[in-house]
Amino acid sequence: NADMLEMASGAYVKATKHRVVATSFERRKGSRFSFPIFIHPRREVELQPDVTAMQALRKRISQVGFNGHLLKE
């Protein structure tokens, strides 16, 4: 995800929140669908010294309230 890319790039690439705002044209025409795509590196990839992709994912998931210990190594 973008958080991992920001970490791995030393903040060269900035993470952003996903947000969809409907234009007035879209509100008149009906629904709009948005499908974010999340691509993760392999679990063992080091994003920073001593921080693997799995460790970063566990931390992020626990920040949003999910029980991160369910993600097994």
PDB file of N, CA and C in Angstrom:
ATOM      1  N   ASN A   1       0.827  -1.181   0.000  1.00  0.00           N
ATOM      2  CA  ASN A   1       0.000   0.000   0.000  1.00  0.00           C
ATOM      3  C   ASN A   1       0.867   1.239   0.000  1.00  0.00           C
ATOM      4  N   ALA A   2       0.260   2.396  -0.057  1.00  0.00           N
ATOM      5  CA  ALA A   2       1.012   3.645  -0.170  1.00  0.00           C
ATOM      6  C   ALA A   2       1.876   3.907   1.049  1.00  0.00           C
ATOM      7  N   ASP A   3       1.415   3.494   2.230  1.00  0.00           N
ATOM      8  CA  ASP A   3       2.238   3.682   3.426  1.00  0.00           C
ATOM      9  C   ASP A   3       3.554   2.937   3.285  1.00  0.00           C
ATOM     10  N   MET A   4       3.500   1.725   2.753  1.00  0.00           N
ATOM     11  CA  MET A   4       4.711   0.928   2.583  1.00  0.00           C
ATOM     12  C   MET A   4       5.628   1.531   1.523  1.00  0.00           C
ATOM     13  N   LEU A   5       5.039   2.047   0.447  1.00  0.00           N
ATOM     14  CA  LEU A   5       5.848   2.674  -0.593  1.00  0.00           C
ATOM     15  C   LEU A   5       6.520   3.931  -0.057  1.00  0.00           C
ATOM     16  N   GLU A   6       5.817   4.693   0.747  1.00  0.00           N
ATOM     17  CA  GLU A   6       6.427   5.879   1.358  1.00  0.00           C
ATOM     18  C   GLU A   6       7.586   5.472   2.257  1.00  0.00           C
ATOM     19  N   MET A   7       7.385   4.432   3.045  1.00  0.00           N
ATOM     20  CA  MET A   7       8.432   3.965   3.940  1.00  0.00           C
ATOM     21  C   MET A   7       9.648   3.470   3.161  1.00  0.00           C
ATOM     22  N   ALA A   8       9.412   2.659   2.139  1.00  0.00           N
ATOM     23  CA  ALA A   8      10.504   2.076   1.360  1.00  0.00           C
ATOM     24  C   ALA A   8      11.251   3.122   0.545  1.00  0.00           C
ATOM     25  N   SER A   9      10.581   4.201   0.154  1.00  0.00           N
ATOM     26  CA  SER A   9      11.233   5.228  -0.659  1.00  0.00           C
ATOM     27  C   SER A   9      11.855   6.331   0.191  1.00  0.00           C
ATOM     28  N   GLY A  10      11.856   6.154   1.511  1.00  0.00           N
ATOM     29  CA  GLY A  10      12.402   7.198   2.381  1.00  0.00           C
ATOM     30  C   GLY A  10      11.593   8.480   2.297  1.00  0.00           C
ATOM     31  N   ALA A  11      10.285   8.354   2.109  1.00  0.00           N
ATOM     32  CA  ALA A  11       9.326   9.461   2.008  1.00  0.00           C
ATOM     33  C   ALA A  11       9.447  10.243   0.702  1.00  0.00           C
ATOM     34  N   TYR A  12      10.175   9.700  -0.288  1.00  0.00           N
ATOM     35  CA  TYR A  12      10.235  10.342  -1.602  1.00  0.00           C
ATOM     36  C   TYR A  12       8.853  10.305  -2.261  1.00  0.00           C
ATOM     37  N   VAL A  13       8.186   9.152  -2.152  1.00  0.00           N
ATOM     38  CA  VAL A  13       6.812   9.011  -2.637  1.00  0.00           C
ATOM     39  C   VAL A  13       5.901   9.141  -1.418  1.00  0.00           C
ATOM     40  N   LYS A  14       5.005  10.099  -1.421  1.00  0.00           N
ATOM     41  CA  LYS A  14       4.134  10.354  -0.273  1.00  0.00           C
ATOM     42  C   LYS A  14       2.857   9.524  -0.353  1.00  0.00           C
ATOM     43  N   ALA A  15       2.466   8.963   0.778  1.00  0.00           N
ATOM     44  CA  ALA A  15       1.200   8.238   0.869  1.00  0.00           C
ATOM     45  C   ALA A  15       0.060   9.250   0.906  1.00  0.00           C
ATOM     46  N   THR A  16      -1.068   8.864   0.378  1.00  0.00           N
ATOM     47  CA  THR A  16      -2.230   9.742   0.403  1.00  0.00           C
ATOM     48  C   THR A  16      -3.454   8.946   0.817  1.00  0.00           C
ATOM     49  N   LYS A  17      -4.397   9.609   1.396  1.00  0.00           N
ATOM     50  CA  LYS A  17      -5.656   8.969   1.760  1.00  0.00           C
ATOM     51  C   LYS A  17      -6.509   8.831   0.508  1.00  0.00           C
ATOM     52  N   HIS A  18      -7.243   7.736   0.410  1.00  0.00           N
ATOM     53  CA  HIS A  18      -8.141   7.540  -0.726  1.00  0.00           C
ATOM     54  C   HIS A  18      -9.436   8.279  -0.441  1.00  0.00           C
ATOM     55  N   ARG A  19      -9.807   9.155  -1.348  1.00  0.00           N
ATOM     56  CA  ARG A  19     -11.020   9.935  -1.161  1.00  0.00           C
ATOM     57  C   ARG A  19     -11.688  10.143  -2.512  1.00  0.00           C
ATOM     58  N   VAL A  20     -12.977   9.958  -2.559  1.00  0.00           N
ATOM     59  CA  VAL A  20     -13.737  10.167  -3.791  1.00  0.00           C
ATOM     60  C   VAL A  20     -14.763  11.266  -3.526  1.00  0.00           C
ATOM     61  N   VAL A  21     -14.758  12.277  -4.356  1.00  0.00           N
ATOM     62  CA  VAL A  21     -15.722  13.368  -4.250  1.00  0.00           C
ATOM     63  C   VAL A  21     -16.497  13.420  -5.558  1.00  0.00           C
ATOM     64  N   ALA A  22     -17.801  13.274  -5.476  1.00  0.00           N
ATOM     65  CA  ALA A  22     -18.634  13.287  -6.675  1.00  0.00           C
ATOM     66  C   ALA A  22     -18.801  14.721  -7.178  1.00  0.00           C
ATOM     67  N   THR A  23     -18.682  14.889  -8.470  1.00  0.00           N
ATOM     68  CA  THR A  23     -18.929  16.198  -9.082  1.00  0.00           C
ATOM     69  C   THR A  23     -20.427  16.412  -9.207  1.00  0.00           C
ATOM     70  N   SER A  24     -20.844  17.645  -9.494  1.00  0.00           N
ATOM     71  CA  SER A  24     -22.276  17.921  -9.632  1.00  0.00           C
ATOM     72  C   SER A  24     -22.871  17.119 -10.790  1.00  0.00           C
ATOM     73  N   PHE A  25     -22.092  16.914 -11.864  1.00  0.00           N
ATOM     74  CA  PHE A  25     -22.549  16.102 -12.991  1.00  0.00           C
ATOM     75  C   PHE A  25     -22.819  14.668 -12.531  1.00  0.00           C
ATOM     76  N   GLU A  26     -21.912  14.121 -11.752  1.00  0.00           N
ATOM     77  CA  GLU A  26     -22.073  12.741 -11.277  1.00  0.00           C
ATOM     78  C   GLU A  26     -23.255  12.619 -10.324  1.00  0.00           C
ATOM     79  N   ARG A  27     -23.492  13.621  -9.508  1.00  0.00           N
ATOM     80  CA  ARG A  27     -24.641  13.568  -8.591  1.00  0.00           C
ATOM     81  C   ARG A  27     -25.951  13.547  -9.373  1.00  0.00           C
ATOM     82  N   ARG A  28     -26.007  14.261 -10.479  1.00  0.00           N
ATOM     83  CA  ARG A  28     -27.227  14.271 -11.299  1.00  0.00           C
ATOM     84  C   ARG A  28     -27.411  12.953 -12.036  1.00  0.00           C
ATOM     85  N   LYS A  29     -26.317  12.324 -12.456  1.00  0.00           N
ATOM     86  CA  LYS A  29     -26.384  11.113 -13.272  1.00  0.00           C
ATOM     87  C   LYS A  29     -26.609   9.847 -12.446  1.00  0.00           C
ATOM     88  N   GLY A  30     -26.281   9.840 -11.173  1.00  0.00           N
ATOM     89  CA  GLY A  30     -26.476   8.642 -10.358  1.00  0.00           C
ATOM     90  C   GLY A  30     -25.217   8.238  -9.615  1.00  0.00           C
ATOM     91  N   SER A  31     -25.109   6.971  -9.335  1.00  0.00           N
ATOM     92  CA  SER A  31     -24.028   6.448  -8.503  1.00  0.00           C
ATOM     93  C   SER A  31     -22.670   6.500  -9.198  1.00  0.00           C
ATOM     94  N   ARG A  32     -21.655   6.532  -8.360  1.00  0.00           N
ATOM     95  CA  ARG A  32     -20.280   6.452  -8.845  1.00  0.00           C
ATOM     96  C   ARG A  32     -19.595   5.356  -8.036  1.00  0.00           C
ATOM     97  N   PHE A  33     -18.800   4.573  -8.700  1.00  0.00           N
ATOM     98  CA  PHE A  33     -18.064   3.511  -8.034  1.00  0.00           C
ATOM     99  C   PHE A  33     -16.576   3.814  -8.099  1.00  0.00           C
ATOM    100  N   SER A  34     -15.881   3.492  -7.031  1.00  0.00           N
ATOM    101  CA  SER A  34     -14.442   3.663  -6.982  1.00  0.00           C
ATOM    102  C   SER A  34     -13.846   2.373  -6.425  1.00  0.00           C
ATOM    103  N   PHE A  35     -12.813   1.891  -7.066  1.00  0.00           N
ATOM    104  CA  PHE A  35     -12.188   0.641  -6.650  1.00  0.00           C
ATOM    105  C   PHE A  35     -10.700   0.850  -6.432  1.00  0.00           C
ATOM    106  N   PRO A  36     -10.295   1.111  -5.197  1.00  0.00           N
ATOM    107  CA  PRO A  36      -8.856   1.228  -4.954  1.00  0.00           C
ATOM    108  C   PRO A  36      -8.201  -0.143  -5.096  1.00  0.00           C
ATOM    109  N   ILE A  37      -6.968  -0.135  -5.527  1.00  0.00           N
ATOM    110  CA  ILE A  37      -6.197  -1.365  -5.673  1.00  0.00           C
ATOM    111  C   ILE A  37      -5.020  -1.292  -4.718  1.00  0.00           C
ATOM    112  N   PHE A  38      -4.870  -2.319  -3.923  1.00  0.00           N
ATOM    113  CA  PHE A  38      -3.769  -2.364  -2.973  1.00  0.00           C
ATOM    114  C   PHE A  38      -2.799  -3.455  -3.400  1.00  0.00           C
ATOM    115  N   ILE A  39      -1.562  -3.087  -3.564  1.00  0.00           N
ATOM    116  CA  ILE A  39      -0.526  -4.043  -3.947  1.00  0.00           C
ATOM    117  C   ILE A  39       0.506  -4.065  -2.825  1.00  0.00           C
ATOM    118  N   HIS A  40       0.765  -5.241  -2.303  1.00  0.00           N
ATOM    119  CA  HIS A  40       1.700  -5.367  -1.185  1.00  0.00           C
ATOM    120  C   HIS A  40       2.947  -6.126  -1.619  1.00  0.00           C
ATOM    121  N   PRO A  41       4.090  -5.712  -1.069  1.00  0.00           N
ATOM    122  CA  PRO A  41       5.304  -6.499  -1.323  1.00  0.00           C
ATOM    123  C   PRO A  41       5.223  -7.824  -0.559  1.00  0.00           C
ATOM    124  N   ARG A  42       6.109  -8.741  -0.905  1.00  0.00           N
ATOM    125  CA  ARG A  42       6.173  -9.998  -0.141  1.00  0.00           C
ATOM    126  C   ARG A  42       6.419  -9.689   1.329  1.00  0.00           C
ATOM    127  N   ARG A  43       5.964 -10.550   2.188  1.00  0.00           N
ATOM    128  CA  ARG A  43       6.040 -10.322   3.642  1.00  0.00           C
ATOM    129  C   ARG A  43       7.449 -10.058   4.137  1.00  0.00           C
ATOM    130  N   GLU A  44       8.441 -10.701   3.522  1.00  0.00           N
ATOM    131  CA  GLU A  44       9.809 -10.611   4.027  1.00  0.00           C
ATOM    132  C   GLU A  44      10.597  -9.410   3.493  1.00  0.00           C
ATOM    133  N   VAL A  45      10.039  -8.642   2.578  1.00  0.00           N
ATOM    134  CA  VAL A  45      10.740  -7.488   2.003  1.00  0.00           C
ATOM    135  C   VAL A  45      10.973  -6.442   3.086  1.00  0.00           C
ATOM    136  N   GLU A  46      12.227  -5.964   3.191  1.00  0.00           N
ATOM    137  CA  GLU A  46      12.566  -4.918   4.154  1.00  0.00           C
ATOM    138  C   GLU A  46      12.228  -3.560   3.562  1.00  0.00           C
ATOM    139  N   LEU A  47      11.333  -2.834   4.215  1.00  0.00           N
ATOM    140  CA  LEU A  47      10.952  -1.506   3.768  1.00  0.00           C
ATOM    141  C   LEU A  47      11.909  -0.455   4.316  1.00  0.00           C
ATOM    142  N   GLN A  48      12.394  -0.705   5.494  1.00  0.00           N
ATOM    143  CA  GLN A  48      13.418   0.090   6.163  1.00  0.00           C
ATOM    144  C   GLN A  48      14.297  -0.903   6.898  1.00  0.00           C
ATOM    145  N   PRO A  49      15.476  -0.486   7.345  1.00  0.00           N
ATOM    146  CA  PRO A  49      16.283  -1.438   8.117  1.00  0.00           C
ATOM    147  C   PRO A  49      15.478  -1.994   9.298  1.00  0.00           C
ATOM    148  N   ASP A  50      15.406  -3.292   9.374  1.00  0.00           N
ATOM    149  CA  ASP A  50      14.725  -4.003  10.460  1.00  0.00           C
ATOM    150  C   ASP A  50      13.205  -3.826  10.488  1.00  0.00           C
ATOM    151  N   VAL A  51      12.593  -3.408   9.377  1.00  0.00           N
ATOM    152  CA  VAL A  51      11.132  -3.323   9.286  1.00  0.00           C
ATOM    153  C   VAL A  51      10.692  -4.038   8.015  1.00  0.00           C
ATOM    154  N   THR A  52      10.056  -5.203   8.196  1.00  0.00           N
ATOM    155  CA  THR A  52       9.575  -5.957   7.036  1.00  0.00           C
ATOM    156  C   THR A  52       8.181  -5.479   6.632  1.00  0.00           C
ATOM    157  N   ALA A  53       7.770  -5.868   5.452  1.00  0.00           N
ATOM    158  CA  ALA A  53       6.436  -5.517   4.973  1.00  0.00           C
ATOM    159  C   ALA A  53       5.369  -6.081   5.910  1.00  0.00           C
ATOM    160  N   MET A  54       5.576  -7.280   6.427  1.00  0.00           N
ATOM    161  CA  MET A  54       4.597  -7.875   7.342  1.00  0.00           C
ATOM    162  C   MET A  54       4.511  -7.089   8.640  1.00  0.00           C
ATOM    163  N   GLN A  55       5.636  -6.648   9.163  1.00  0.00           N
ATOM    164  CA  GLN A  55       5.608  -5.846  10.396  1.00  0.00           C
ATOM    165  C   GLN A  55       4.868  -4.524  10.170  1.00  0.00           C
ATOM    166  N   ALA A  56       5.120  -3.890   9.041  1.00  0.00           N
ATOM    167  CA  ALA A  56       4.451  -2.628   8.723  1.00  0.00           C
ATOM    168  C   ALA A  56       2.946  -2.843   8.535  1.00  0.00           C
ATOM    169  N   LEU A  57       2.574  -3.937   7.874  1.00  0.00           N
ATOM    170  CA  LEU A  57       1.161  -4.241   7.666  1.00  0.00           C
ATOM    171  C   LEU A  57       0.455  -4.493   8.998  1.00  0.00           C
ATOM    172  N   ARG A  58       1.076  -5.265   9.874  1.00  0.00           N
ATOM    173  CA  ARG A  58       0.484  -5.524  11.190  1.00  0.00           C
ATOM    174  C   ARG A  58       0.260  -4.228  11.963  1.00  0.00           C
ATOM    175  N   LYS A  59       1.253  -3.345  11.921  1.00  0.00           N
ATOM    176  CA  LYS A  59       1.137  -2.076  12.641  1.00  0.00           C
ATOM    177  C   LYS A  59      -0.018  -1.250  12.071  1.00  0.00           C
ATOM    178  N   ARG A  60      -0.099  -1.159  10.758  1.00  0.00           N
ATOM    179  CA  ARG A  60      -1.150  -0.349  10.123  1.00  0.00           C
ATOM    180  C   ARG A  60      -2.540  -0.922  10.410  1.00  0.00           C
ATOM    181  N   ILE A  61      -2.662  -2.219  10.330  1.00  0.00           N
ATOM    182  CA  ILE A  61      -3.957  -2.854  10.576  1.00  0.00           C
ATOM    183  C   ILE A  61      -4.399  -2.653  12.020  1.00  0.00           C
ATOM    184  N   SER A  62      -3.475  -2.739  12.963  1.00  0.00           N
ATOM    185  CA  SER A  62      -3.861  -2.526  14.359  1.00  0.00           C
ATOM    186  C   SER A  62      -4.219  -1.062  14.611  1.00  0.00           C
ATOM    187  N   GLN A  63      -3.640  -0.123  13.844  1.00  0.00           N
ATOM    188  CA  GLN A  63      -3.978   1.298  13.987  1.00  0.00           C
ATOM    189  C   GLN A  63      -5.425   1.575  13.593  1.00  0.00           C
ATOM    190  N   VAL A  64      -5.950   0.811  12.649  1.00  0.00           N
ATOM    191  CA  VAL A  64      -7.339   1.031  12.222  1.00  0.00           C
ATOM    192  C   VAL A  64      -8.326   0.164  12.992  1.00  0.00           C
ATOM    193  N   GLY A  65      -7.852  -0.531  14.023  1.00  0.00           N
ATOM    194  CA  GLY A  65      -8.750  -1.245  14.905  1.00  0.00           C
ATOM    195  C   GLY A  65      -8.949  -2.729  14.609  1.00  0.00           C
ATOM    196  N   PHE A  66      -8.217  -3.275  13.653  1.00  0.00           N
ATOM    197  CA  PHE A  66      -8.331  -4.701  13.363  1.00  0.00           C
ATOM    198  C   PHE A  66      -7.356  -5.452  14.237  1.00  0.00           C
ATOM    199  N   ASN A  67      -7.684  -6.650  14.610  1.00  0.00           N
ATOM    200  CA  ASN A  67      -6.828  -7.449  15.468  1.00  0.00           C
ATOM    201  C   ASN A  67      -5.657  -7.997  14.628  1.00  0.00           C
ATOM    202  N   GLY A  68      -4.542  -7.289  14.618  1.00  0.00           N
ATOM    203  CA  GLY A  68      -3.390  -7.612  13.768  1.00  0.00           C
ATOM    204  C   GLY A  68      -2.750  -8.946  14.041  1.00  0.00           C
ATOM    205  N   HIS A  69      -2.966  -9.539  15.222  1.00  0.00           N
ATOM    206  CA  HIS A  69      -2.316 -10.818  15.498  1.00  0.00           C
ATOM    207  C   HIS A  69      -2.914 -11.957  14.649  1.00  0.00           C
ATOM    208  N   LEU A  70      -4.016 -11.691  13.973  1.00  0.00           N
ATOM    209  CA  LEU A  70      -4.594 -12.716  13.093  1.00  0.00           C
ATOM    210  C   LEU A  70      -3.774 -12.931  11.832  1.00  0.00           C
ATOM    211  N   LEU A  71      -2.865 -12.004  11.529  1.00  0.00           N
ATOM    212  CA  LEU A  71      -1.994 -12.149  10.359  1.00  0.00           C
ATOM    213  C   LEU A  71      -0.784 -12.980  10.755  1.00  0.00           C
ATOM    214  N   LYS A  72      -0.718 -14.174  10.264  1.00  0.00           N
ATOM    215  CA  LYS A  72       0.376 -15.082  10.630  1.00  0.00           C
ATOM    216  C   LYS A  72       1.579 -14.827   9.745  1.00  0.00           C
ATOM    217  N   GLU A  73       2.745 -15.103  10.301  1.00  0.00           N
ATOM    218  CA  GLU A  73       3.995 -14.990   9.531  1.00  0.00           C
ATOM    219  C   GLU A  73       3.922 -15.983   8.452  1.00  0.00           C
TER     220      GLU A  73
END
